[in-house]
Amino acid sequence: MKKKESPYFDGLDQMDIKAIESLPCFWQQCFLKRFFKKLEEKNINKCEVCNKANNNEDVKKLTANYQLLSSTLSQYTNLKNKSVRHISVNALISVSKALNVSIDYLLGIESSEQHNLTDIFEETGLTEKSIYALQQNSKAPDFINSFLQSKELTNLLRLVNQIFYSDYITKDILSAYSKSLRDIIVSAYSKYMESTLPIEMKEETFKVALYNEIKNNNITLNKEYISFNVSKDRFSQITVLSKRTNIELSQAFLNDTVSCVYGILSYANSSDYYRNALSNSFSKIVDEFLTTKSEKLLKDLGNYAKLDKTNNSIDK
């Protein structure tokens, strides 16, 4: 028995895929791949496709008494045949209605399954999954509309970008140092923050704290240690700095390290502030939505109350 290597429900395996890709017509390749893909997603077979098609009102409007037969569909999709027939217009329409996808999707003209989704993709940049999520949650559009119209949105996006890029830069710069050296640098900065008055906070003061932390760990800042614990690019920069300024390699290492990490460590120290600001910004948007929804609800209740009074007056 032939081993199936593909997850397709209707039995499409790797040999079948190769057979499809060997067909000279591109749109026929697309049709077959997407046809079997939809069978898998919907967990149906060809007979069920025919049944769905023949019960579709649009298919019933095709030529008189048209029916999509299983034997006919197999002529267009049976890869065991020496020559796979090109699908007819009526059959193509029937399959698209049965699978609830556009003909353009089946033929590879569009990547989205429906024309209306393609228009939304182009206009908004939303993904297909996002659009389906909105369609499946009837209450989501209300909040999304409020979210997008909020004046606070610009500030929220600014904070998101600031946190993302700052975190990215921090990780990128610190990746130039070994884990053990990173731990020493972070420890030195923590002690520096705890023991230094705000007016004395500057790179020179941190450099002293870093030197003391290295010394407390019984580390000798020689060429072997530095080259082993920093990246090749970083070591090259330190070497150039040492020669250009005519200072020892250990001093060049301290100067270069402080210059690289001081700014990002200062940001990391205040990252809680930015994350709290982000949380507050999002809370403002939610509060705006809840306020608007409450006002609308109160207005609707007021209208119902007026209507009820009018009806009571009529009854009397």
C-alpha atoms as a PDB file:
ATOM      1  CA  MET A   1       0.000   0.000   0.000  1.00  0.00           C
ATOM      2  CA  LYS A   2       1.306   3.411  -0.964  1.00  0.00           C
ATOM      3  CA  LYS A   3       2.438   5.438   2.031  1.00  0.00           C
ATOM      4  CA  LYS A   4       0.827   8.878   2.291  1.00  0.00           C
ATOM      5  CA  GLU A   5       3.364  11.621   2.989  1.00  0.00           C
ATOM      6  CA  SER A   6       0.962  14.517   2.847  1.00  0.00           C
ATOM      7  CA  PRO A   7      -1.649  15.653   5.395  1.00  0.00           C
ATOM      8  CA  TYR A   8      -4.228  16.242   2.641  1.00  0.00           C
ATOM      9  CA  PHE A   9      -7.484  14.511   3.516  1.00  0.00           C
ATOM     10  CA  ASP A  10      -8.166  13.343  -0.026  1.00  0.00           C
ATOM     11  CA  GLY A  11      -4.848  11.545  -0.411  1.00  0.00           C
ATOM     12  CA  LEU A  12      -2.466  14.006  -2.050  1.00  0.00           C
ATOM     13  CA  ASP A  13       1.080  12.797  -1.411  1.00  0.00           C
ATOM     14  CA  GLN A  14       4.544  13.972  -2.462  1.00  0.00           C
ATOM     15  CA  MET A  15       4.362  12.100  -5.764  1.00  0.00           C
ATOM     16  CA  ASP A  16       1.050  13.802  -6.502  1.00  0.00           C
ATOM     17  CA  ILE A  17       2.535  17.182  -5.719  1.00  0.00           C
ATOM     18  CA  LYS A  18       5.366  16.508  -8.167  1.00  0.00           C
ATOM     19  CA  ALA A  19       2.803  15.464 -10.765  1.00  0.00           C
ATOM     20  CA  ILE A  20       0.926  18.738 -10.246  1.00  0.00           C
ATOM     21  CA  GLU A  21       4.094  20.812 -10.565  1.00  0.00           C
ATOM     22  CA  SER A  22       4.980  19.031 -13.807  1.00  0.00           C
ATOM     23  CA  LEU A  23       1.793  20.287 -15.478  1.00  0.00           C
ATOM     24  CA  PRO A  24       2.548  22.946 -18.118  1.00  0.00           C
ATOM     25  CA  CYS A  25      -0.336  25.247 -17.143  1.00  0.00           C
ATOM     26  CA  PHE A  26       0.343  27.420 -14.066  1.00  0.00           C
ATOM     27  CA  TRP A  27      -3.306  28.108 -13.234  1.00  0.00           C
ATOM     28  CA  GLN A  28      -4.048  24.370 -13.384  1.00  0.00           C
ATOM     29  CA  GLN A  29      -1.247  23.746 -10.870  1.00  0.00           C
ATOM     30  CA  CYS A  30      -2.713  26.418  -8.586  1.00  0.00           C
ATOM     31  CA  PHE A  31      -6.218  25.029  -8.920  1.00  0.00           C
ATOM     32  CA  LEU A  32      -5.197  21.498  -7.951  1.00  0.00           C
ATOM     33  CA  LYS A  33      -3.006  22.559  -5.013  1.00  0.00           C
ATOM     34  CA  ARG A  34      -5.633  24.902  -3.598  1.00  0.00           C
ATOM     35  CA  PHE A  35      -8.457  22.479  -4.261  1.00  0.00           C
ATOM     36  CA  PHE A  36      -6.805  19.737  -2.196  1.00  0.00           C
ATOM     37  CA  LYS A  37      -5.721  22.276   0.429  1.00  0.00           C
ATOM     38  CA  LYS A  38      -9.362  23.290   0.968  1.00  0.00           C
ATOM     39  CA  LEU A  39     -10.408  19.627   1.175  1.00  0.00           C
ATOM     40  CA  GLU A  40      -7.950  19.211   4.042  1.00  0.00           C
ATOM     41  CA  GLU A  41      -9.035  22.384   5.835  1.00  0.00           C
ATOM     42  CA  LYS A  42     -12.734  21.555   5.557  1.00  0.00           C
ATOM     43  CA  ASN A  43     -12.164  17.832   6.147  1.00  0.00           C
ATOM     44  CA  ILE A  44     -14.312  16.843   3.160  1.00  0.00           C
ATOM     45  CA  ASN A  45     -13.889  14.659   0.061  1.00  0.00           C
ATOM     46  CA  LYS A  46     -14.773  15.096  -3.597  1.00  0.00           C
ATOM     47  CA  CYS A  47     -18.243  13.571  -3.272  1.00  0.00           C
ATOM     48  CA  GLU A  48     -19.104  16.093  -0.560  1.00  0.00           C
ATOM     49  CA  VAL A  49     -17.820  18.918  -2.774  1.00  0.00           C
ATOM     50  CA  CYS A  50     -20.249  17.797  -5.480  1.00  0.00           C
ATOM     51  CA  ASN A  51     -23.142  17.607  -3.004  1.00  0.00           C
ATOM     52  CA  LYS A  52     -22.411  21.113  -1.664  1.00  0.00           C
ATOM     53  CA  ALA A  53     -22.122  22.484  -5.188  1.00  0.00           C
ATOM     54  CA  ASN A  54     -25.364  20.931  -6.427  1.00  0.00           C
ATOM     55  CA  ASN A  55     -27.273  22.356  -3.440  1.00  0.00           C
ATOM     56  CA  ASN A  56     -25.927  25.870  -4.003  1.00  0.00           C
ATOM     57  CA  GLU A  57     -28.478  28.369  -5.370  1.00  0.00           C
ATOM     58  CA  ASP A  58     -25.930  30.063  -7.662  1.00  0.00           C
ATOM     59  CA  VAL A  59     -24.924  26.722  -9.185  1.00  0.00           C
ATOM     60  CA  LYS A  60     -28.572  25.938  -9.853  1.00  0.00           C
ATOM     61  CA  LYS A  61     -28.695  29.077 -12.050  1.00  0.00           C
ATOM     62  CA  LEU A  62     -26.119  27.609 -14.450  1.00  0.00           C
ATOM     63  CA  THR A  63     -27.173  25.805 -17.637  1.00  0.00           C
ATOM     64  CA  ALA A  64     -30.420  23.865 -17.291  1.00  0.00           C
ATOM     65  CA  ASN A  65     -30.226  20.807 -15.007  1.00  0.00           C
ATOM     66  CA  TYR A  66     -26.449  21.191 -14.557  1.00  0.00           C
ATOM     67  CA  GLN A  67     -24.984  18.878 -11.926  1.00  0.00           C
ATOM     68  CA  LEU A  68     -21.372  18.507 -10.862  1.00  0.00           C
ATOM     69  CA  LEU A  69     -20.862  14.741 -10.880  1.00  0.00           C
ATOM     70  CA  SER A  70     -18.130  12.969  -8.918  1.00  0.00           C
ATOM     71  CA  SER A  71     -16.964  11.278 -12.105  1.00  0.00           C
ATOM     72  CA  THR A  72     -16.683  14.660 -13.824  1.00  0.00           C
ATOM     73  CA  LEU A  73     -14.784  16.225 -10.922  1.00  0.00           C
ATOM     74  CA  SER A  74     -12.383  13.282 -10.906  1.00  0.00           C
ATOM     75  CA  GLN A  75     -11.495  13.965 -14.545  1.00  0.00           C
ATOM     76  CA  TYR A  76     -10.197  17.391 -13.425  1.00  0.00           C
ATOM     77  CA  THR A  77      -8.532  16.266 -10.182  1.00  0.00           C
ATOM     78  CA  ASN A  78      -7.467  12.615 -10.513  1.00  0.00           C
ATOM     79  CA  LEU A  79      -3.694  12.773 -10.804  1.00  0.00           C
ATOM     80  CA  LYS A  80      -3.504   9.056 -11.595  1.00  0.00           C
ATOM     81  CA  ASN A  81      -4.863   9.823 -15.061  1.00  0.00           C
ATOM     82  CA  LYS A  82      -2.214  10.176 -17.730  1.00  0.00           C
ATOM     83  CA  SER A  83      -3.762  13.451 -18.801  1.00  0.00           C
ATOM     84  CA  VAL A  84      -5.611  15.654 -16.293  1.00  0.00           C
ATOM     85  CA  ARG A  85      -8.363  17.548 -18.087  1.00  0.00           C
ATOM     86  CA  HIS A  86      -8.681  21.330 -17.800  1.00  0.00           C
ATOM     87  CA  ILE A  87     -11.677  22.173 -15.650  1.00  0.00           C
ATOM     88  CA  SER A  88     -14.743  23.626 -17.382  1.00  0.00           C
ATOM     89  CA  VAL A  89     -16.258  26.994 -16.501  1.00  0.00           C
ATOM     90  CA  ASN A  90     -19.375  25.468 -14.943  1.00  0.00           C
ATOM     91  CA  ALA A  91     -17.335  23.034 -12.882  1.00  0.00           C
ATOM     92  CA  LEU A  92     -14.978  25.792 -11.746  1.00  0.00           C
ATOM     93  CA  ILE A  93     -17.918  27.933 -10.615  1.00  0.00           C
ATOM     94  CA  SER A  94     -19.429  24.929  -8.824  1.00  0.00           C
ATOM     95  CA  VAL A  95     -16.210  24.098  -6.976  1.00  0.00           C
ATOM     96  CA  SER A  96     -15.681  27.724  -5.916  1.00  0.00           C
ATOM     97  CA  LYS A  97     -19.227  27.880  -4.497  1.00  0.00           C
ATOM     98  CA  ALA A  98     -18.871  24.533  -2.731  1.00  0.00           C
ATOM     99  CA  LEU A  99     -15.560  25.524  -1.114  1.00  0.00           C
ATOM    100  CA  ASN A 100     -16.693  29.123  -0.483  1.00  0.00           C
ATOM    101  CA  VAL A 101     -13.686  30.659  -2.227  1.00  0.00           C
ATOM    102  CA  SER A 102     -13.323  32.904  -5.262  1.00  0.00           C
ATOM    103  CA  ILE A 103     -12.416  31.598  -8.702  1.00  0.00           C
ATOM    104  CA  ASP A 104      -9.422  33.980  -8.700  1.00  0.00           C
ATOM    105  CA  TYR A 105      -8.162  32.274  -5.548  1.00  0.00           C
ATOM    106  CA  LEU A 106      -8.489  28.796  -7.060  1.00  0.00           C
ATOM    107  CA  LEU A 107      -6.611  29.875 -10.190  1.00  0.00           C
ATOM    108  CA  GLY A 108      -3.782  31.545  -8.256  1.00  0.00           C
ATOM    109  CA  ILE A 109      -4.667  35.078  -9.347  1.00  0.00           C
ATOM    110  CA  GLU A 110      -5.240  36.219  -5.739  1.00  0.00           C
ATOM    111  CA  SER A 111      -3.753  34.971  -2.480  1.00  0.00           C
ATOM    112  CA  SER A 112      -6.875  35.700  -0.415  1.00  0.00           C
ATOM    113  CA  GLU A 113      -9.876  33.417  -0.630  1.00  0.00           C
ATOM    114  CA  GLN A 114     -12.493  36.139  -1.153  1.00  0.00           C
ATOM    115  CA  HIS A 115     -12.548  39.307  -3.297  1.00  0.00           C
ATOM    116  CA  ASN A 116     -13.830  41.449  -0.446  1.00  0.00           C
ATOM    117  CA  LEU A 117     -10.888  40.322   1.719  1.00  0.00           C
ATOM    118  CA  THR A 118      -8.443  41.308  -1.026  1.00  0.00           C
ATOM    119  CA  ASP A 119      -9.874  44.842  -1.041  1.00  0.00           C
ATOM    120  CA  ILE A 120      -9.549  45.057   2.753  1.00  0.00           C
ATOM    121  CA  PHE A 121      -5.952  43.754   2.613  1.00  0.00           C
ATOM    122  CA  GLU A 122      -4.968  46.419   0.103  1.00  0.00           C
ATOM    123  CA  GLU A 123      -6.692  49.298   1.897  1.00  0.00           C
ATOM    124  CA  THR A 124      -5.826  48.518   5.521  1.00  0.00           C
ATOM    125  CA  GLY A 125      -2.875  46.111   5.557  1.00  0.00           C
ATOM    126  CA  LEU A 126      -4.821  43.746   7.850  1.00  0.00           C
ATOM    127  CA  THR A 127      -4.012  40.061   7.498  1.00  0.00           C
ATOM    128  CA  GLU A 128      -6.580  37.425   6.589  1.00  0.00           C
ATOM    129  CA  LYS A 129      -6.479  36.006  10.134  1.00  0.00           C
ATOM    130  CA  SER A 130      -7.177  39.466  11.598  1.00  0.00           C
ATOM    131  CA  ILE A 131     -10.185  39.960   9.346  1.00  0.00           C
ATOM    132  CA  TYR A 132     -11.593  36.537  10.189  1.00  0.00           C
ATOM    133  CA  ALA A 133     -11.101  37.264  13.893  1.00  0.00           C
ATOM    134  CA  LEU A 134     -13.147  40.452  13.519  1.00  0.00           C
ATOM    135  CA  GLN A 135     -15.853  38.593  11.626  1.00  0.00           C
ATOM    136  CA  GLN A 136     -16.104  35.878  14.268  1.00  0.00           C
ATOM    137  CA  ASN A 137     -16.304  38.289  17.217  1.00  0.00           C
ATOM    138  CA  SER A 138     -19.304  40.554  16.798  1.00  0.00           C
ATOM    139  CA  LYS A 139     -18.237  42.837  19.670  1.00  0.00           C
ATOM    140  CA  ALA A 140     -14.663  43.364  18.478  1.00  0.00           C
ATOM    141  CA  PRO A 141     -15.359  46.058  15.817  1.00  0.00           C
ATOM    142  CA  ASP A 142     -16.792  48.444  18.442  1.00  0.00           C
ATOM    143  CA  PHE A 143     -13.572  48.415  20.454  1.00  0.00           C
ATOM    144  CA  ILE A 144     -11.325  48.396  17.362  1.00  0.00           C
ATOM    145  CA  ASN A 145     -13.090  51.496  16.016  1.00  0.00           C
ATOM    146  CA  SER A 146     -12.714  53.249  19.359  1.00  0.00           C
ATOM    147  CA  PHE A 147      -9.073  52.141  19.577  1.00  0.00           C
ATOM    148  CA  LEU A 148      -8.153  53.458  16.118  1.00  0.00           C
ATOM    149  CA  GLN A 149      -9.990  56.755  16.593  1.00  0.00           C
ATOM    150  CA  SER A 150      -8.452  57.504  20.010  1.00  0.00           C
ATOM    151  CA  LYS A 151      -6.115  60.512  20.236  1.00  0.00           C
ATOM    152  CA  GLU A 152      -4.030  58.429  22.643  1.00  0.00           C
ATOM    153  CA  LEU A 153      -3.159  55.900  19.924  1.00  0.00           C
ATOM    154  CA  THR A 154      -0.219  57.942  18.624  1.00  0.00           C
ATOM    155  CA  ASN A 155       1.347  58.051  22.088  1.00  0.00           C
ATOM    156  CA  LEU A 156       0.723  54.322  22.587  1.00  0.00           C
ATOM    157  CA  LEU A 157       2.460  53.427  19.322  1.00  0.00           C
ATOM    158  CA  ARG A 158       5.358  55.769  20.150  1.00  0.00           C
ATOM    159  CA  LEU A 159       5.903  53.988  23.473  1.00  0.00           C
ATOM    160  CA  VAL A 160       5.669  50.538  21.847  1.00  0.00           C
ATOM    161  CA  ASN A 161       8.294  51.474  19.247  1.00  0.00           C
ATOM    162  CA  GLN A 162      10.540  53.099  21.850  1.00  0.00           C
ATOM    163  CA  ILE A 163      10.464  50.025  24.109  1.00  0.00           C
ATOM    164  CA  PHE A 164      10.928  47.608  21.193  1.00  0.00           C
ATOM    165  CA  TYR A 165      13.877  49.364  19.583  1.00  0.00           C
ATOM    166  CA  SER A 166      15.527  50.163  22.904  1.00  0.00           C
ATOM    167  CA  ASP A 167      15.271  46.522  23.987  1.00  0.00           C
ATOM    168  CA  TYR A 168      16.567  45.398  20.596  1.00  0.00           C
ATOM    169  CA  ILE A 169      19.542  47.770  20.758  1.00  0.00           C
ATOM    170  CA  THR A 170      20.265  46.768  24.362  1.00  0.00           C
ATOM    171  CA  LYS A 171      20.377  43.061  23.491  1.00  0.00           C
ATOM    172  CA  ASP A 172      22.443  43.747  20.381  1.00  0.00           C
ATOM    173  CA  ILE A 173      25.102  45.793  22.221  1.00  0.00           C
ATOM    174  CA  LEU A 174      25.321  43.514  25.256  1.00  0.00           C
ATOM    175  CA  SER A 175      25.664  40.478  22.960  1.00  0.00           C
ATOM    176  CA  ALA A 176      29.212  41.713  22.232  1.00  0.00           C
ATOM    177  CA  TYR A 177      30.218  40.577  25.731  1.00  0.00           C
ATOM    178  CA  SER A 178      30.358  37.090  27.252  1.00  0.00           C
ATOM    179  CA  LYS A 179      27.661  36.180  29.796  1.00  0.00           C
ATOM    180  CA  SER A 180      30.102  36.336  32.708  1.00  0.00           C
ATOM    181  CA  LEU A 181      31.298  39.779  31.631  1.00  0.00           C
ATOM    182  CA  ARG A 182      27.715  40.977  31.079  1.00  0.00           C
ATOM    183  CA  ASP A 183      26.898  39.916  34.629  1.00  0.00           C
ATOM    184  CA  ILE A 184      29.842  41.937  35.937  1.00  0.00           C
ATOM    185  CA  ILE A 185      28.845  45.003  33.912  1.00  0.00           C
ATOM    186  CA  VAL A 186      25.215  44.851  35.106  1.00  0.00           C
ATOM    187  CA  SER A 187      26.295  44.259  38.705  1.00  0.00           C
ATOM    188  CA  ALA A 188      28.670  47.249  38.530  1.00  0.00           C
ATOM    189  CA  TYR A 189      25.872  49.452  37.198  1.00  0.00           C
ATOM    190  CA  SER A 190      23.475  48.352  39.961  1.00  0.00           C
ATOM    191  CA  LYS A 191      26.037  49.203  42.665  1.00  0.00           C
ATOM    192  CA  TYR A 192      26.796  52.473  40.898  1.00  0.00           C
ATOM    193  CA  MET A 193      23.103  53.444  40.956  1.00  0.00           C
ATOM    194  CA  GLU A 194      22.742  52.520  44.629  1.00  0.00           C
ATOM    195  CA  SER A 195      25.799  54.414  45.859  1.00  0.00           C
ATOM    196  CA  THR A 196      25.954  57.457  43.572  1.00  0.00           C
ATOM    197  CA  LEU A 197      24.155  60.749  44.116  1.00  0.00           C
ATOM    198  CA  PRO A 198      22.158  61.999  41.089  1.00  0.00           C
ATOM    199  CA  ILE A 199      24.493  64.987  40.685  1.00  0.00           C
ATOM    200  CA  GLU A 200      27.501  62.655  40.454  1.00  0.00           C
ATOM    201  CA  MET A 201      26.002  60.281  37.888  1.00  0.00           C
ATOM    202  CA  LYS A 202      28.189  60.334  34.798  1.00  0.00           C
ATOM    203  CA  GLU A 203      30.258  57.954  32.693  1.00  0.00           C
ATOM    204  CA  GLU A 204      33.506  58.603  34.567  1.00  0.00           C
ATOM    205  CA  THR A 205      31.897  57.623  37.874  1.00  0.00           C
ATOM    206  CA  PHE A 206      30.473  54.440  36.353  1.00  0.00           C
ATOM    207  CA  LYS A 207      33.902  53.600  34.908  1.00  0.00           C
ATOM    208  CA  VAL A 208      35.346  53.596  38.422  1.00  0.00           C
ATOM    209  CA  ALA A 209      32.490  51.321  39.600  1.00  0.00           C
ATOM    210  CA  LEU A 210      33.120  48.934  36.693  1.00  0.00           C
ATOM    211  CA  TYR A 211      36.856  48.808  37.408  1.00  0.00           C
ATOM    212  CA  ASN A 212      36.197  48.042  41.099  1.00  0.00           C
ATOM    213  CA  GLU A 213      33.700  45.293  40.232  1.00  0.00           C
ATOM    214  CA  ILE A 214      36.224  43.652  37.881  1.00  0.00           C
ATOM    215  CA  LYS A 215      38.896  43.916  40.549  1.00  0.00           C
ATOM    216  CA  ASN A 216      36.561  42.415  43.199  1.00  0.00           C
ATOM    217  CA  ASN A 217      36.074  39.404  40.910  1.00  0.00           C
ATOM    218  CA  ASN A 218      39.858  38.881  40.813  1.00  0.00           C
ATOM    219  CA  ILE A 219      40.019  39.482  37.093  1.00  0.00           C
ATOM    220  CA  THR A 220      43.160  40.699  35.372  1.00  0.00           C
ATOM    221  CA  LEU A 221      42.352  42.893  32.386  1.00  0.00           C
ATOM    222  CA  ASN A 222      44.978  41.535  30.056  1.00  0.00           C
ATOM    223  CA  LYS A 223      44.824  40.855  26.339  1.00  0.00           C
ATOM    224  CA  GLU A 224      43.894  37.200  26.805  1.00  0.00           C
ATOM    225  CA  TYR A 225      40.905  37.947  29.068  1.00  0.00           C
ATOM    226  CA  ILE A 226      39.601  40.822  26.958  1.00  0.00           C
ATOM    227  CA  SER A 227      39.890  38.997  23.626  1.00  0.00           C
ATOM    228  CA  PHE A 228      38.130  35.936  25.086  1.00  0.00           C
ATOM    229  CA  ASN A 229      35.202  37.858  26.612  1.00  0.00           C
ATOM    230  CA  VAL A 230      34.341  40.373  23.890  1.00  0.00           C
ATOM    231  CA  SER A 231      33.389  39.896  20.246  1.00  0.00           C
ATOM    232  CA  LYS A 232      36.010  40.131  17.504  1.00  0.00           C
ATOM    233  CA  ASP A 233      34.617  43.458  16.288  1.00  0.00           C
ATOM    234  CA  ARG A 234      34.583  44.888  19.802  1.00  0.00           C
ATOM    235  CA  PHE A 235      38.136  43.704  20.485  1.00  0.00           C
ATOM    236  CA  SER A 236      39.267  45.265  17.212  1.00  0.00           C
ATOM    237  CA  GLN A 237      37.742  48.608  18.249  1.00  0.00           C
ATOM    238  CA  ILE A 238      39.418  48.401  21.653  1.00  0.00           C
ATOM    239  CA  THR A 239      42.788  47.649  20.062  1.00  0.00           C
ATOM    240  CA  VAL A 240      42.465  50.601  17.675  1.00  0.00           C
ATOM    241  CA  LEU A 241      41.462  52.884  20.555  1.00  0.00           C
ATOM    242  CA  SER A 242      44.475  51.752  22.590  1.00  0.00           C
ATOM    243  CA  LYS A 243      46.928  52.504  19.767  1.00  0.00           C
ATOM    244  CA  ARG A 244      45.301  55.764  18.692  1.00  0.00           C
ATOM    245  CA  THR A 245      45.167  57.260  22.199  1.00  0.00           C
ATOM    246  CA  ASN A 246      48.392  55.650  23.362  1.00  0.00           C
ATOM    247  CA  ILE A 247      46.840  54.053  26.452  1.00  0.00           C
ATOM    248  CA  GLU A 248      47.026  50.548  27.865  1.00  0.00           C
ATOM    249  CA  LEU A 249      44.651  47.925  26.502  1.00  0.00           C
ATOM    250  CA  SER A 250      42.914  47.575  29.892  1.00  0.00           C
ATOM    251  CA  GLN A 251      42.181  51.319  29.992  1.00  0.00           C
ATOM    252  CA  ALA A 252      40.972  51.253  26.388  1.00  0.00           C
ATOM    253  CA  PHE A 253      38.663  48.361  27.319  1.00  0.00           C
ATOM    254  CA  LEU A 254      37.155  50.334  30.201  1.00  0.00           C
ATOM    255  CA  ASN A 255      36.691  53.471  28.088  1.00  0.00           C
ATOM    256  CA  ASP A 256      35.135  51.567  25.192  1.00  0.00           C
ATOM    257  CA  THR A 257      32.835  49.451  27.390  1.00  0.00           C
ATOM    258  CA  VAL A 258      31.508  52.423  29.338  1.00  0.00           C
ATOM    259  CA  SER A 259      30.949  54.363  26.129  1.00  0.00           C
ATOM    260  CA  CYS A 260      28.960  51.436  24.658  1.00  0.00           C
ATOM    261  CA  VAL A 261      26.829  50.334  27.580  1.00  0.00           C
ATOM    262  CA  TYR A 262      26.231  53.397  29.774  1.00  0.00           C
ATOM    263  CA  GLY A 263      23.370  54.801  27.708  1.00  0.00           C
ATOM    264  CA  ILE A 264      21.509  51.533  27.263  1.00  0.00           C
ATOM    265  CA  LEU A 265      21.894  50.611  30.929  1.00  0.00           C
ATOM    266  CA  SER A 266      20.429  53.993  31.827  1.00  0.00           C
ATOM    267  CA  TYR A 267      17.448  53.164  29.620  1.00  0.00           C
ATOM    268  CA  ALA A 268      17.123  49.672  31.129  1.00  0.00           C
ATOM    269  CA  ASN A 269      17.039  51.253  34.561  1.00  0.00           C
ATOM    270  CA  SER A 270      14.069  53.374  33.501  1.00  0.00           C
ATOM    271  CA  SER A 271      12.332  50.682  31.418  1.00  0.00           C
ATOM    272  CA  ASP A 272       9.748  50.141  34.162  1.00  0.00           C
ATOM    273  CA  TYR A 273       8.738  53.773  33.739  1.00  0.00           C
ATOM    274  CA  TYR A 274       8.176  53.362  30.001  1.00  0.00           C
ATOM    275  CA  ARG A 275       6.280  50.102  30.449  1.00  0.00           C
ATOM    276  CA  ASN A 276       4.040  51.696  33.084  1.00  0.00           C
ATOM    277  CA  ALA A 277       3.481  54.610  30.698  1.00  0.00           C
ATOM    278  CA  LEU A 278       2.514  52.103  28.005  1.00  0.00           C
ATOM    279  CA  SER A 279       0.059  50.403  30.365  1.00  0.00           C
ATOM    280  CA  ASN A 280      -1.448  53.764  31.350  1.00  0.00           C
ATOM    281  CA  SER A 281      -1.762  54.787  27.715  1.00  0.00           C
ATOM    282  CA  PHE A 282      -3.654  51.612  26.845  1.00  0.00           C
ATOM    283  CA  SER A 283      -5.852  52.035  29.939  1.00  0.00           C
ATOM    284  CA  LYS A 284      -6.818  55.513  28.724  1.00  0.00           C
ATOM    285  CA  ILE A 285      -7.985  54.057  25.411  1.00  0.00           C
ATOM    286  CA  VAL A 286     -10.007  51.373  27.203  1.00  0.00           C
ATOM    287  CA  ASP A 287     -11.528  53.999  29.523  1.00  0.00           C
ATOM    288  CA  GLU A 288     -12.509  56.121  26.516  1.00  0.00           C
ATOM    289  CA  PHE A 289     -14.218  53.093  24.972  1.00  0.00           C
ATOM    290  CA  LEU A 290     -16.069  52.217  28.198  1.00  0.00           C
ATOM    291  CA  THR A 291     -17.157  55.835  28.709  1.00  0.00           C
ATOM    292  CA  THR A 292     -18.495  56.080  25.156  1.00  0.00           C
ATOM    293  CA  LYS A 293     -20.268  52.735  25.494  1.00  0.00           C
ATOM    294  CA  SER A 294     -21.813  53.765  28.842  1.00  0.00           C
ATOM    295  CA  GLU A 295     -23.009  57.084  27.423  1.00  0.00           C
ATOM    296  CA  LYS A 296     -24.589  55.296  24.450  1.00  0.00           C
ATOM    297  CA  LEU A 297     -26.264  52.780  26.764  1.00  0.00           C
ATOM    298  CA  LEU A 298     -27.676  55.540  28.991  1.00  0.00           C
ATOM    299  CA  LYS A 299     -28.935  57.378  25.917  1.00  0.00           C
ATOM    300  CA  ASP A 300     -30.635  54.223  24.623  1.00  0.00           C
ATOM    301  CA  LEU A 301     -32.215  53.584  28.035  1.00  0.00           C
ATOM    302  CA  GLY A 302     -33.450  57.179  28.070  1.00  0.00           C
ATOM    303  CA  ASN A 303     -35.055  56.706  24.653  1.00  0.00           C
ATOM    304  CA  TYR A 304     -36.721  53.492  25.816  1.00  0.00           C
ATOM    305  CA  ALA A 305     -38.055  55.280  28.891  1.00  0.00           C
ATOM    306  CA  LYS A 306     -39.551  58.077  26.736  1.00  0.00           C
ATOM    307  CA  LEU A 307     -41.080  55.498  24.418  1.00  0.00           C
ATOM    308  CA  ASP A 308     -42.565  53.629  27.383  1.00  0.00           C
ATOM    309  CA  LYS A 309     -44.145  56.828  28.738  1.00  0.00           C
ATOM    310  CA  THR A 310     -45.620  57.602  25.321  1.00  0.00           C
ATOM    311  CA  ASN A 311     -47.107  54.120  25.075  1.00  0.00           C
ATOM    312  CA  ASN A 312     -48.628  54.431  28.564  1.00  0.00           C
ATOM    313  CA  SER A 313     -50.244  57.748  27.622  1.00  0.00           C
ATOM    314  CA  ILE A 314     -51.743  56.169  24.506  1.00  0.00           C
ATOM    315  CA  ASP A 315     -53.139  53.239  26.517  1.00  0.00           C
ATOM    316  CA  LYS A 316     -54.825  55.631  28.931  1.00  0.00           C
END
